[in-house]
Amino acid sequence: MSEPRIPRLDLSETFQARYEAYRRRVEDGLERLLPAASRWPEPIHEAMRYAVFSGGKRLRPVLTLAACELAGGSVEAALPAACAVELVHTYSLVHDDLPAMDDDDMRRGRPTVHVAYDEATAILAGDALLTLAFTVLADPDGPLTPAVALRIAFELGTAAGTAGLIAGQVADLAAEGAAVDGRELERIHRHKTGALFRACARIGAIAAGAGPADVERLSRFADEFGLAFQITDDILDVVGDEAATGRPAGSDERRGKTTFASLYGVETARRLAVEAAQRAAAELEPFGARAGFLRDLAFFAVSRSG
């Protein structure tokens, strides 16, 4: 079987420049929202900032901002919500790394929060980041009307709870060392990873005041985008460069986890990832050329090295 074709991206110009512009806005927003490390109680604020400012790609808030602009909204309107998404994502990583969960010592090339500090601080830092996310959304001085902010809080809470991320984490832990088929594996990851990506697209569209058709179209895009992203993560755990991924290779195998790479093999998994990215891109066709960035983002998800 021939290697699946990934469309070539002009990462050195248009795509990368726009991605970097979104990322800088998110970094600036997070810097303003997070308490200073010198603010009492200093240890928890230091740990929160350590977790958030750890060199992440900011893919989820970038998706949120891009979806908002595609749907006719502004970055300013969606930025607090995009930052809230990143706070929820970071909380989930801090807790996911704990000894009671995946017991990871490294994240993004440096010690995880519970290693750099201690378990109690990591738990509290994760709790504080999750709480801050919804404080940001509920800010009465924010750029969104109360009704829109409430809808966005509902979307984010649903994606982070037992209908989304937590459901996937529970199922993922239960599946360690067990026989898992492709259908169950996809269900796990559409919840653990995909639910938050789906919320990003929906939140961006809602912040823009998009109609139901566009919200659902972007939801379907994000569903397939999230699957493509997760399959690629599974592949990188097998063949990725640790310097690029920021975590030890083979960690899934050591924990007895079934992944797309272990279930189907790397070549087939790569084909499945590209097919998911292609389905994601197809959902954007009604938007025409305006959707170019999100279309490229889908293929960036499967062409990345980390």
Protein backbone atom coordinates (compact mmCIF):
# COMPACT_ATOMS: atom_id res chain seq x y z
CA MET A 1 0.00 0.00 0.00
CA SER A 2 1.42 3.40 -0.98
CA GLU A 3 2.15 6.05 1.63
CA PRO A 4 -0.86 8.38 2.10
CA ARG A 5 -0.30 11.80 0.58
CA ILE A 6 -0.27 14.82 2.88
CA PRO A 7 -0.88 18.09 1.00
CA ARG A 8 2.16 20.34 1.01
CA LEU A 9 1.84 23.41 3.22
CA ASP A 10 3.55 26.74 2.86
CA LEU A 11 4.50 26.69 6.51
CA SER A 12 7.22 29.28 6.06
CA GLU A 13 4.81 32.03 5.00
CA THR A 14 1.03 32.37 5.17
CA PHE A 15 0.08 29.52 7.48
CA GLN A 16 2.92 29.87 9.95
CA ALA A 17 2.60 33.64 10.13
CA ARG A 18 -1.09 33.47 10.92
CA TYR A 19 -0.60 30.64 13.42
CA GLU A 20 2.10 32.65 15.17
CA ALA A 21 -0.11 35.74 15.27
CA TYR A 22 -2.89 33.76 16.95
CA ARG A 23 -0.41 32.13 19.33
CA ARG A 24 1.03 35.48 20.42
CA ARG A 25 -2.44 36.80 21.18
CA VAL A 26 -3.10 33.74 23.33
CA GLU A 27 0.23 34.07 25.17
CA ASP A 28 -0.49 37.72 25.91
CA GLY A 29 -4.02 36.88 27.07
CA LEU A 30 -2.83 34.11 29.38
CA GLU A 31 -0.13 36.38 30.82
CA ARG A 32 -2.80 38.92 31.77
CA LEU A 33 -5.19 36.34 33.21
CA LEU A 34 -2.87 34.27 35.37
CA PRO A 35 -1.98 35.60 38.82
CA ALA A 36 1.62 36.73 39.21
CA ALA A 37 3.95 34.20 40.79
CA SER A 38 4.69 36.77 43.50
CA ARG A 39 1.05 36.96 44.55
CA TRP A 40 0.06 35.14 47.74
CA PRO A 41 -0.10 32.17 48.04
CA GLU A 42 3.04 32.17 45.91
CA PRO A 43 3.64 28.39 45.55
CA ILE A 44 0.32 27.68 43.82
CA HIS A 45 0.56 30.65 41.48
CA GLU A 46 4.11 29.69 40.57
CA ALA A 47 2.98 26.12 39.81
CA MET A 48 0.03 27.34 37.71
CA ARG A 49 2.34 29.49 35.62
CA TYR A 50 4.88 26.67 35.34
CA ALA A 51 2.16 24.44 33.90
CA VAL A 52 0.71 27.00 31.49
CA PHE A 53 3.93 28.55 30.21
CA SER A 54 5.66 25.31 29.30
CA GLY A 55 6.07 25.74 25.56
CA GLY A 56 2.78 24.29 24.32
CA LYS A 57 1.61 24.79 20.72
CA ARG A 58 -1.64 26.52 21.87
CA LEU A 59 -3.42 24.50 19.19
CA ARG A 60 -6.80 24.54 20.92
CA PRO A 61 -7.05 28.30 21.45
CA VAL A 62 -5.70 28.85 17.93
CA LEU A 63 -8.53 26.67 16.62
CA THR A 64 -10.99 28.70 18.70
CA LEU A 65 -9.79 32.02 17.31
CA ALA A 66 -9.64 30.76 13.73
CA ALA A 67 -13.17 29.33 13.93
CA CYS A 68 -14.42 32.64 15.28
CA GLU A 69 -12.84 34.63 12.45
CA LEU A 70 -14.07 32.16 9.82
CA ALA A 71 -17.60 32.59 11.19
CA GLY A 72 -17.33 36.38 10.91
CA GLY A 73 -16.24 37.28 14.44
CA SER A 74 -13.18 39.00 15.88
CA VAL A 75 -10.17 37.74 17.80
CA GLU A 76 -10.95 40.22 20.57
CA ALA A 77 -14.39 38.70 21.11
CA ALA A 78 -13.11 35.12 21.32
CA LEU A 79 -9.77 35.63 23.10
CA PRO A 80 -10.98 35.17 26.72
CA ALA A 81 -12.82 32.00 25.69
CA ALA A 82 -9.76 30.75 23.81
CA CYS A 83 -7.63 31.32 26.93
CA ALA A 84 -10.25 29.52 29.04
CA VAL A 85 -9.98 26.51 26.73
CA GLU A 86 -6.21 26.46 27.17
CA LEU A 87 -6.57 26.66 30.96
CA VAL A 88 -8.88 23.63 30.92
CA HIS A 89 -6.51 21.76 28.61
CA THR A 90 -3.54 22.51 30.88
CA TYR A 91 -5.43 21.43 34.00
CA SER A 92 -6.22 18.13 32.29
CA LEU A 93 -2.54 17.55 31.47
CA VAL A 94 -1.43 18.33 35.03
CA HIS A 95 -3.88 15.79 36.42
CA ASP A 96 -3.27 13.29 33.61
CA ASP A 97 0.44 13.21 34.52
CA LEU A 98 -0.16 12.39 38.19
CA PRO A 99 1.03 9.04 39.61
CA ALA A 100 -2.59 7.95 40.09
CA MET A 101 -3.22 8.47 36.37
CA ASP A 102 -0.49 8.13 33.70
CA ASP A 103 2.42 8.72 36.11
CA ASP A 104 4.50 10.72 33.62
CA ASP A 105 7.70 12.45 34.72
CA MET A 106 8.20 14.61 31.62
CA ARG A 107 5.88 16.92 29.71
CA ARG A 108 7.03 19.18 26.85
CA GLY A 109 10.66 18.43 27.58
CA ARG A 110 10.70 19.30 31.27
CA PRO A 111 9.56 17.76 34.57
CA THR A 112 5.82 17.49 35.06
CA VAL A 113 4.21 19.66 37.73
CA HIS A 114 4.06 16.96 40.40
CA VAL A 115 7.76 16.24 39.86
CA ALA A 116 8.82 19.88 39.79
CA TYR A 117 6.73 20.62 42.90
CA ASP A 118 4.78 17.82 44.61
CA GLU A 119 1.55 15.89 44.13
CA ALA A 120 -0.58 18.08 46.38
CA THR A 121 0.56 21.23 44.61
CA ALA A 122 -0.09 19.64 41.21
CA ILE A 123 -3.63 18.67 42.19
CA LEU A 124 -4.37 22.14 43.55
CA ALA A 125 -2.76 23.84 40.53
CA GLY A 126 -4.95 21.81 38.20
CA ASP A 127 -8.03 22.63 40.26
CA ALA A 128 -7.11 26.31 40.25
CA LEU A 129 -6.63 26.38 36.46
CA LEU A 130 -10.02 24.75 35.90
CA THR A 131 -11.67 27.22 38.27
CA LEU A 132 -9.94 30.18 36.64
CA ALA A 133 -11.22 29.10 33.21
CA PHE A 134 -14.83 29.52 34.26
CA THR A 135 -14.05 32.71 36.21
CA VAL A 136 -12.73 34.15 32.93
CA LEU A 137 -15.90 33.18 31.07
CA ALA A 138 -18.11 34.64 33.81
CA ASP A 139 -16.31 38.00 33.91
CA PRO A 140 -19.08 40.63 33.70
CA ASP A 141 -16.62 43.03 32.03
CA GLY A 142 -15.72 40.55 29.27
CA PRO A 143 -16.33 41.21 25.55
CA LEU A 144 -19.31 38.87 25.19
CA THR A 145 -22.92 39.34 26.19
CA PRO A 146 -24.01 37.34 29.25
CA ALA A 147 -26.14 35.08 27.06
CA VAL A 148 -23.26 34.22 24.72
CA ALA A 149 -20.82 33.77 27.62
CA LEU A 150 -23.29 31.37 29.25
CA ARG A 151 -23.55 29.31 26.06
CA ILE A 152 -19.77 29.13 25.83
CA ALA A 153 -19.45 28.09 29.49
CA PHE A 154 -21.98 25.34 28.83
CA GLU A 155 -20.01 24.10 25.81
CA LEU A 156 -16.72 24.07 27.70
CA GLY A 157 -18.19 22.46 30.81
CA THR A 158 -19.85 19.75 28.73
CA ALA A 159 -16.64 19.00 26.85
CA ALA A 160 -14.58 18.85 30.06
CA GLY A 161 -17.00 16.68 32.03
CA THR A 162 -18.35 13.14 32.00
CA ALA A 163 -19.81 13.62 28.54
CA GLY A 164 -16.37 14.45 27.18
CA LEU A 165 -12.81 14.61 28.49
CA ILE A 166 -13.38 12.91 31.83
CA ALA A 167 -15.40 10.13 30.22
CA GLY A 168 -12.53 9.48 27.85
CA GLN A 169 -9.98 9.50 30.66
CA VAL A 170 -12.02 7.03 32.71
CA ALA A 171 -12.35 4.70 29.72
CA ASP A 172 -8.67 5.13 28.86
CA LEU A 173 -7.58 4.11 32.35
CA ALA A 174 -9.94 1.13 32.32
CA ALA A 175 -8.52 0.00 28.97
CA GLU A 176 -4.90 -0.22 30.15
CA GLY A 177 -3.75 -3.80 29.74
CA ALA A 178 -7.09 -4.83 28.23
CA ALA A 179 -8.04 -5.88 24.71
CA VAL A 180 -9.55 -2.88 22.93
CA ASP A 181 -10.97 -2.93 19.42
CA GLY A 182 -10.92 -0.09 16.94
CA ARG A 183 -14.45 1.04 17.68
CA GLU A 184 -13.81 1.36 21.42
CA LEU A 185 -10.44 3.02 20.84
CA GLU A 186 -12.05 5.65 18.63
CA ARG A 187 -14.78 6.24 21.21
CA ILE A 188 -12.16 6.79 23.93
CA HIS A 189 -10.26 9.34 21.90
CA ARG A 190 -13.27 11.16 20.52
CA HIS A 191 -14.04 11.88 24.18
CA LYS A 192 -10.62 12.24 25.81
CA THR A 193 -9.07 14.31 23.03
CA GLY A 194 -11.80 15.11 20.54
CA ALA A 195 -14.41 16.62 22.86
CA LEU A 196 -12.25 19.63 23.69
CA PHE A 197 -11.33 20.21 20.04
CA ARG A 198 -15.02 20.08 19.18
CA ALA A 199 -15.75 22.62 21.92
CA CYS A 200 -13.06 24.93 20.54
CA ALA A 201 -14.70 25.10 17.13
CA ARG A 202 -18.17 25.51 18.59
CA ILE A 203 -17.04 28.17 21.05
CA GLY A 204 -15.33 30.16 18.32
CA ALA A 205 -18.42 30.01 16.13
CA ILE A 206 -20.74 30.93 19.01
CA ALA A 207 -18.53 33.89 19.95
CA ALA A 208 -18.90 35.09 16.36
CA GLY A 209 -22.70 34.83 16.50
CA ALA A 210 -22.76 32.07 13.87
CA GLY A 211 -25.98 30.35 12.96
CA PRO A 212 -26.72 26.70 13.80
CA ALA A 213 -25.62 25.37 10.39
CA ASP A 214 -22.15 26.88 10.65
CA VAL A 215 -21.77 25.81 14.29
CA GLU A 216 -22.59 22.21 13.35
CA ARG A 217 -20.37 22.28 10.26
CA LEU A 218 -17.42 23.46 12.35
CA SER A 219 -18.27 20.84 14.97
CA ARG A 220 -17.97 18.10 12.35
CA PHE A 221 -14.69 19.57 11.16
CA ALA A 222 -13.33 19.49 14.70
CA ASP A 223 -14.53 15.93 15.31
CA GLU A 224 -12.40 14.69 12.42
CA PHE A 225 -9.56 17.09 13.22
CA GLY A 226 -9.37 15.71 16.77
CA LEU A 227 -9.25 12.12 15.51
CA ALA A 228 -6.48 12.97 13.04
CA PHE A 229 -4.54 14.70 15.82
CA GLN A 230 -4.84 11.77 18.24
CA ILE A 231 -3.88 9.12 15.70
CA THR A 232 -0.79 11.19 14.88
CA ASP A 233 0.02 11.43 18.60
CA ASP A 234 -0.13 7.64 18.79
CA ILE A 235 2.24 7.36 15.84
CA LEU A 236 4.68 9.88 17.33
CA ASP A 237 4.78 7.85 20.56
CA VAL A 238 6.29 5.04 18.46
CA VAL A 239 8.43 6.80 15.86
CA GLY A 240 8.67 10.39 17.11
CA ASP A 241 11.80 12.25 18.12
CA GLU A 242 11.79 12.77 21.89
CA ALA A 243 13.36 16.20 21.44
CA ALA A 244 10.38 17.23 19.31
CA THR A 245 7.60 15.50 21.26
CA GLY A 246 8.95 16.47 24.68
CA ARG A 247 8.17 13.10 26.20
CA PRO A 248 9.82 9.65 26.32
CA ALA A 249 9.08 7.43 23.32
CA GLY A 250 7.14 4.22 23.90
CA SER A 251 5.29 5.44 27.00
CA ASP A 252 1.94 4.10 25.75
CA GLU A 253 3.38 0.62 25.24
CA ARG A 254 4.97 0.63 28.70
CA ARG A 255 1.58 1.41 30.26
CA GLY A 256 -0.12 -1.35 28.29
CA LYS A 257 -2.27 1.06 26.26
CA THR A 258 -3.82 0.12 22.97
CA THR A 259 -3.24 2.88 20.43
CA PHE A 260 -4.02 3.32 16.76
CA ALA A 261 -0.36 2.57 16.03
CA SER A 262 -0.29 -0.63 18.07
CA LEU A 263 -3.69 -1.82 16.82
CA TYR A 264 -3.26 -1.12 13.12
CA GLY A 265 0.48 -0.59 12.65
CA VAL A 266 2.16 2.73 11.92
CA GLU A 267 1.54 2.75 8.15
CA THR A 268 -2.19 2.05 8.41
CA ALA A 269 -2.54 4.44 11.34
CA ARG A 270 -0.92 7.18 9.25
CA ARG A 271 -3.40 6.50 6.45
CA LEU A 272 -6.30 6.70 8.93
CA ALA A 273 -4.97 10.03 10.23
CA VAL A 274 -4.75 11.51 6.74
CA GLU A 275 -8.23 10.26 5.88
CA ALA A 276 -9.61 11.93 9.01
CA ALA A 277 -7.84 15.17 8.05
CA GLN A 278 -9.33 14.92 4.57
CA ARG A 279 -12.82 14.46 6.03
CA ALA A 280 -12.21 17.48 8.25
CA ALA A 281 -11.16 19.58 5.26
CA ALA A 282 -14.21 18.47 3.30
CA GLU A 283 -16.49 19.94 5.97
CA LEU A 284 -15.02 23.37 5.22
CA GLU A 285 -15.87 23.40 1.52
CA PRO A 286 -18.98 25.60 1.90
CA PHE A 287 -16.75 28.34 3.39
CA GLY A 288 -14.59 28.45 0.27
CA ALA A 289 -11.19 30.14 0.28
CA ARG A 290 -11.89 31.78 3.67
CA ALA A 291 -11.35 28.39 5.30
CA GLY A 292 -7.80 28.03 4.00
CA PHE A 293 -6.15 28.39 7.40
CA LEU A 294 -8.35 25.76 9.08
CA ARG A 295 -7.92 23.45 6.11
CA ASP A 296 -4.14 23.73 6.41
CA LEU A 297 -4.42 23.31 10.18
CA ALA A 298 -6.05 19.92 9.65
CA PHE A 299 -3.09 18.71 7.59
CA PHE A 300 -0.62 20.35 9.95
CA ALA A 301 -2.08 18.09 12.65
CA VAL A 302 -0.97 14.99 10.73
CA SER A 303 2.33 16.33 9.36
CA ARG A 304 3.77 17.62 12.65
CA SER A 305 6.75 16.06 14.39
CA GLY A 306 5.78 16.98 17.92
